[in-house]
Amino acid sequence: MKVEILGNVQDAGVPHLECSCDGCEAAREDPREQKHVASILLKENSEKDSIRYLIDASPDVRYQIKGDYLDGVFISHGQLGHITGLLDFGEEGCDKNSIPVYVTDKTRKFIERNDPYRLLIDRNNIELNDFNDGETLELQGAEIEAREAEHSRLNTDTTSFMIEGPEKRLFYMSDIHEWTDDTLKSVREADIAIVDGTFWNEEEIDRYEEVPHPVMKETMHKAEDWDTEIYFTHLNHTNPALRPESEERQEIQERGFGVVEKGQEFEI
C-alpha cells in the first residue's frame, strides 16, 4: 500500500493570483516551476485491480489524477483547495457515474444546499457517504479513520485521516488553524505524519491573524524529539521553505523533518 503526494501547496497554488514574487513569476513563465495544491492518493503496490482513493479534490485535480478511474474521494473540509475539484467530476468535466465521496454530516449539508455542488448529486455524478469523526473504512488492505481537527471560519467540519497499512500508520492533516491535544496525539501515534506547513513564521504575511495556521517553527519545537517521521505540506506561496536550496529548508532537514514533494511516495 502506498500514499502518493499529488501536491504540496496552499489552496490557491503557485503561481498565486496577483503575486509578483520571484517564485510566482517563475511559475508563470515556466510550467515546470508550477506547484499543485495539496492532496494525496492512496493506492496499492500492484497495478492489477489496484485501489485508488483520493484525499481532497483540489482545483488542480485534472493535472493530478492519471488514468480513468478512482474508487472514491475523501473530503477534509469545504475550502477552495479541498473541495472545488469535485466540480471536475460533473458533466462539464469527466461526467462521473456515482463516484463515492466521503464527507462529514456538516459537509454533506453544505454540498446538498449549495449549487453547483448539489447538481453533482442531482445528476448522479457523485454519491455522498457519511464519514464522521471516529468512523473507519476498510480499503482492501488498508483502513482509514476520520479524526476531527480544528479550522476556523468554516461551514463544514474539518477532518484529518489516519491511514493504517499492513506495515505502517500514516496520519494526514494538511490544513488546520491550531494544534489541539488530540491532533498532536494522532501525530505521535503514527509512523509517518504529513501535516500543515502553511507558514514558516507569523511575520510571513501581514494578515496572519485572519488566516492562522501553526507555523513550521512551532510544530518543529513541539515534535522535536518524537519518533514519528514528520513532513510538511500545504505550504503558502510566501513560505521560503518551498525553495529546496533555502536556509529554511536546510534547517527543516537538519532538525529531522521534511517537506513533501509532488510524486513522492510513502509505502505503508
Protein backbone atom coordinates (compact mmCIF):
# COMPACT_ATOMS: atom_id res chain seq x y z
CA MET A 1 0.00 0.00 0.00
CA LYS A 2 1.33 3.43 -0.95
CA VAL A 3 0.44 7.06 -0.39
CA GLU A 4 1.40 9.30 -3.30
CA ILE A 5 1.83 13.06 -2.94
CA LEU A 6 -0.16 14.88 -5.62
CA GLY A 7 0.58 18.41 -4.46
CA ASN A 8 2.11 20.32 -1.56
CA VAL A 9 0.96 23.96 -1.61
CA GLN A 10 -1.83 26.06 -0.13
CA ASP A 11 -5.28 26.24 -1.73
CA ALA A 12 -4.52 28.98 -4.27
CA GLY A 13 -1.44 27.25 -5.68
CA VAL A 14 1.77 28.52 -7.24
CA PRO A 15 1.63 30.83 -9.11
CA HIS A 16 -0.67 32.70 -6.76
CA LEU A 17 -3.13 35.23 -8.20
CA GLU A 18 -1.87 38.84 -8.05
CA CYS A 19 1.52 37.85 -6.64
CA SER A 20 4.65 39.03 -8.42
CA CYS A 21 7.27 37.40 -6.21
CA ASP A 22 10.15 35.59 -7.91
CA GLY A 23 8.61 32.17 -7.30
CA CYS A 24 5.20 33.03 -8.72
CA GLU A 25 6.63 34.87 -11.72
CA ALA A 26 8.91 31.93 -12.47
CA ALA A 27 5.91 29.59 -12.33
CA ARG A 28 4.01 31.72 -14.85
CA GLU A 29 6.93 31.67 -17.26
CA ASP A 30 7.86 28.00 -16.85
CA PRO A 31 5.23 25.30 -16.20
CA ARG A 32 7.92 23.17 -14.55
CA GLU A 33 8.01 25.70 -11.71
CA GLN A 34 4.28 25.46 -11.01
CA LYS A 35 3.17 23.67 -7.85
CA HIS A 36 -0.10 21.84 -7.33
CA VAL A 37 -2.44 22.18 -4.37
CA ALA A 38 -2.03 19.71 -1.50
CA SER A 39 -3.73 16.32 -1.87
CA ILE A 40 -2.75 12.65 -1.76
CA LEU A 41 -3.66 9.37 -3.43
CA LEU A 42 -3.97 6.08 -1.57
CA LYS A 43 -3.19 3.14 -3.85
CA GLU A 44 -1.95 -0.43 -3.86
CA ASN A 45 1.52 -1.53 -4.94
CA SER A 46 0.07 -3.82 -7.60
CA GLU A 47 -1.27 -2.23 -10.77
CA LYS A 48 -3.82 -5.01 -11.36
CA ASP A 49 -7.10 -4.31 -9.60
CA SER A 50 -5.35 -1.59 -7.61
CA ILE A 51 -7.46 0.62 -5.38
CA ARG A 52 -7.20 4.37 -5.86
CA TYR A 53 -8.67 6.76 -3.28
CA LEU A 54 -8.18 10.50 -3.49
CA ILE A 55 -7.96 12.60 -0.35
CA ASP A 56 -9.13 16.13 -1.17
CA ALA A 57 -10.29 17.20 -4.63
CA SER A 58 -8.13 20.23 -5.35
CA PRO A 59 -8.50 22.83 -8.12
CA ASP A 60 -5.57 21.03 -9.80
CA VAL A 61 -7.24 17.60 -9.84
CA ARG A 62 -7.22 17.42 -13.64
CA TYR A 63 -3.42 17.52 -13.57
CA GLN A 64 -3.05 15.26 -10.55
CA ILE A 65 -5.10 12.17 -11.43
CA LYS A 66 -3.72 9.85 -14.10
CA GLY A 67 -5.86 7.14 -15.64
CA ASP A 68 -9.60 6.93 -15.92
CA TYR A 69 -10.78 5.68 -12.57
CA LEU A 70 -10.99 6.37 -8.87
CA ASP A 71 -12.64 4.19 -6.23
CA GLY A 72 -13.62 7.16 -4.10
CA VAL A 73 -12.81 10.61 -2.73
CA PHE A 74 -12.42 11.74 0.89
CA ILE A 75 -13.05 15.45 1.58
CA SER A 76 -11.37 17.01 4.60
CA HIS A 77 -13.37 20.28 4.53
CA GLY A 78 -15.02 22.83 2.30
CA GLN A 79 -12.36 25.39 1.47
CA LEU A 80 -11.04 26.19 -2.01
CA GLY A 81 -8.17 23.72 -2.17
CA HIS A 82 -10.04 20.72 -0.80
CA ILE A 83 -13.46 20.54 -2.44
CA THR A 84 -13.64 22.56 -5.67
CA GLY A 85 -12.08 19.73 -7.69
CA LEU A 86 -15.33 17.81 -7.25
CA LEU A 87 -16.77 20.03 -9.96
CA ASP A 88 -14.47 18.36 -12.49
CA PHE A 89 -16.43 15.15 -11.92
CA GLY A 90 -19.58 16.84 -13.28
CA GLU A 91 -20.95 16.99 -16.81
CA GLU A 92 -18.59 19.83 -17.76
CA GLY A 93 -15.68 17.55 -16.83
CA CYS A 94 -15.34 13.77 -16.92
CA ASP A 95 -19.05 13.20 -16.09
CA LYS A 96 -18.51 10.54 -13.42
CA ASN A 97 -21.18 7.99 -12.58
CA SER A 98 -21.90 7.95 -8.83
CA ILE A 99 -18.33 8.10 -7.60
CA PRO A 100 -18.36 7.65 -3.78
CA VAL A 101 -17.47 10.83 -1.87
CA TYR A 102 -16.89 10.51 1.88
CA VAL A 103 -17.86 13.52 4.00
CA THR A 104 -18.95 14.55 7.49
CA ASP A 105 -22.59 15.37 8.25
CA LYS A 106 -21.88 19.09 8.13
CA THR A 107 -20.02 18.85 4.83
CA ARG A 108 -22.87 16.78 3.39
CA LYS A 109 -25.33 19.58 4.24
CA PHE A 110 -23.03 22.16 2.64
CA ILE A 111 -22.87 20.18 -0.62
CA GLU A 112 -26.59 19.42 -0.66
CA ARG A 113 -27.56 23.07 -0.11
CA ASN A 114 -25.19 24.82 -2.49
CA ASP A 115 -25.10 24.89 -6.27
CA PRO A 116 -23.13 23.89 -8.25
CA TYR A 117 -22.18 21.07 -5.84
CA ARG A 118 -25.80 19.99 -5.40
CA LEU A 119 -26.06 19.44 -9.15
CA LEU A 120 -23.39 16.75 -8.89
CA ILE A 121 -25.84 14.80 -6.72
CA ASP A 122 -28.87 15.55 -8.89
CA ARG A 123 -27.03 14.34 -11.99
CA ASN A 124 -25.65 11.25 -10.20
CA ASN A 125 -22.04 12.29 -10.69
CA ILE A 126 -21.24 11.77 -7.01
CA GLU A 127 -22.71 9.66 -4.22
CA LEU A 128 -22.28 11.09 -0.73
CA ASN A 129 -21.28 8.71 2.07
CA ASP A 130 -21.15 9.68 5.75
CA PHE A 131 -17.67 9.59 7.26
CA ASN A 132 -17.57 11.30 10.64
CA ASP A 133 -15.07 11.58 13.49
CA GLY A 134 -14.03 8.13 14.73
CA GLU A 135 -15.52 6.19 11.83
CA THR A 136 -13.35 3.80 9.83
CA LEU A 137 -13.49 2.28 6.38
CA GLU A 138 -11.73 -0.84 5.08
CA LEU A 139 -9.94 -0.19 1.80
CA GLN A 140 -8.79 -3.60 0.53
CA GLY A 141 -5.61 -3.97 2.53
CA ALA A 142 -5.73 -0.71 4.46
CA GLU A 143 -8.01 1.10 6.87
CA ILE A 144 -8.75 4.80 7.03
CA GLU A 145 -10.16 6.58 10.08
CA ALA A 146 -11.69 10.05 10.26
CA ARG A 147 -10.35 12.26 13.04
CA GLU A 148 -11.72 15.70 13.78
CA ALA A 149 -9.37 18.67 13.51
CA GLU A 150 -9.67 22.42 14.18
CA HIS A 151 -10.13 25.01 11.44
CA SER A 152 -11.72 28.45 11.68
CA ARG A 153 -14.49 30.20 9.74
CA LEU A 154 -15.86 27.11 8.03
CA ASN A 155 -19.35 25.98 7.11
CA THR A 156 -18.05 22.40 7.08
CA ASP A 157 -16.23 20.23 9.59
CA THR A 158 -12.51 19.66 9.27
CA THR A 159 -11.31 16.07 9.12
CA SER A 160 -7.84 14.56 9.29
CA PHE A 161 -7.12 10.97 8.33
CA MET A 162 -5.27 8.11 9.99
CA ILE A 163 -4.37 5.56 7.31
CA GLU A 164 -3.22 2.15 8.54
CA GLY A 165 -1.50 -0.11 6.04
CA PRO A 166 -0.10 -3.60 6.55
CA GLU A 167 3.16 -2.23 7.93
CA LYS A 168 2.81 1.43 8.97
CA ARG A 169 0.35 4.12 10.03
CA LEU A 170 0.30 7.43 8.19
CA PHE A 171 -1.52 10.48 9.56
CA TYR A 172 -2.59 13.16 7.06
CA MET A 173 -3.67 16.60 8.25
CA SER A 174 -2.98 19.28 5.70
CA ASP A 175 -4.92 22.32 6.85
CA ILE A 176 -5.71 23.48 10.42
CA HIS A 177 -5.67 26.75 12.31
CA GLU A 178 -4.16 25.43 15.53
CA TRP A 179 -2.80 22.31 17.18
CA THR A 180 -5.00 20.53 19.72
CA ASP A 181 -4.12 17.80 22.19
CA ASP A 182 -5.98 15.28 20.03
CA THR A 183 -4.21 16.18 16.80
CA LEU A 184 -0.82 16.13 18.50
CA LYS A 185 -1.66 12.71 19.92
CA SER A 186 -2.52 11.47 16.42
CA VAL A 187 0.85 12.63 15.12
CA ARG A 188 2.63 10.74 17.89
CA GLU A 189 0.61 7.58 17.21
CA ALA A 190 1.67 7.47 13.56
CA ASP A 191 4.86 6.17 11.97
CA ILE A 192 4.61 8.93 9.35
CA ALA A 193 2.73 12.23 9.63
CA ILE A 194 2.10 14.74 6.85
CA VAL A 195 0.93 17.98 8.45
CA ASP A 196 0.10 21.62 7.85
CA GLY A 197 3.17 23.68 6.99
CA THR A 198 1.43 26.72 5.52
CA PHE A 199 3.72 29.35 7.04
CA TRP A 200 7.32 29.41 8.18
CA ASN A 201 6.60 32.09 10.80
CA GLU A 202 3.87 34.54 11.81
CA GLU A 203 5.59 37.53 10.18
CA GLU A 204 5.45 35.97 6.73
CA ILE A 205 2.26 37.77 5.67
CA ASP A 206 0.65 40.92 7.02
CA ARG A 207 -2.75 39.28 7.66
CA TYR A 208 -1.67 36.21 9.56
CA GLU A 209 -4.36 36.82 12.22
CA GLU A 210 -7.04 36.42 9.53
CA VAL A 211 -5.67 33.10 8.24
CA PRO A 212 -3.86 31.49 11.19
CA HIS A 213 -2.02 28.19 10.89
CA PRO A 214 0.52 26.53 13.19
CA VAL A 215 3.81 27.79 11.82
CA MET A 216 6.59 25.34 10.98
CA LYS A 217 8.82 26.61 13.77
CA GLU A 218 6.10 25.91 16.34
CA THR A 219 5.48 22.40 15.03
CA MET A 220 9.16 21.51 15.00
CA HIS A 221 9.52 22.77 18.56
CA LYS A 222 6.59 20.63 19.75
CA ALA A 223 7.69 17.46 17.95
CA GLU A 224 11.48 17.76 18.04
CA ASP A 225 12.12 14.51 19.91
CA TRP A 226 9.23 12.39 18.65
CA ASP A 227 9.77 9.09 16.84
CA THR A 228 7.28 9.95 14.09
CA GLU A 229 8.66 10.89 10.66
CA ILE A 230 7.07 14.31 10.13
CA TYR A 231 6.70 16.05 6.77
CA PHE A 232 5.12 19.40 5.90
CA THR A 233 2.57 20.11 3.16
CA HIS A 234 0.11 22.89 2.20
CA LEU A 235 2.91 25.49 2.02
CA ASN A 236 1.85 29.04 1.14
CA HIS A 237 3.45 30.68 -1.89
CA THR A 238 5.24 33.03 0.53
CA ASN A 239 6.85 30.22 2.52
CA PRO A 240 10.63 30.28 1.94
CA ALA A 241 10.78 26.54 2.71
CA LEU A 242 9.19 25.92 -0.71
CA ARG A 243 12.62 26.57 -2.20
CA PRO A 244 14.79 23.42 -1.88
CA GLU A 245 18.01 25.43 -1.57
CA SER A 246 16.76 27.87 1.08
CA GLU A 247 18.19 28.21 4.58
CA GLU A 248 14.75 27.39 5.95
CA ARG A 249 14.59 24.08 4.07
CA GLN A 250 18.09 23.25 5.29
CA GLU A 251 17.03 23.95 8.89
CA ILE A 252 13.98 21.69 8.50
CA GLN A 253 16.15 18.84 7.27
CA GLU A 254 18.83 19.34 9.92
CA ARG A 255 16.15 19.12 12.62
CA GLY A 256 14.89 15.81 11.26
CA PHE A 257 11.76 16.98 9.41
CA GLY A 258 10.88 17.13 5.72
CA VAL A 259 8.76 18.81 3.06
CA VAL A 260 6.76 16.56 0.75
CA GLU A 261 7.12 16.95 -3.00
CA LYS A 262 4.81 16.07 -5.86
CA GLY A 263 5.33 12.45 -6.91
CA GLN A 264 6.85 11.36 -3.59
CA GLU A 265 5.53 8.04 -2.29
CA PHE A 266 5.32 6.51 1.16
CA GLU A 267 4.93 2.76 1.48
CA ILE A 268 2.74 1.73 4.40
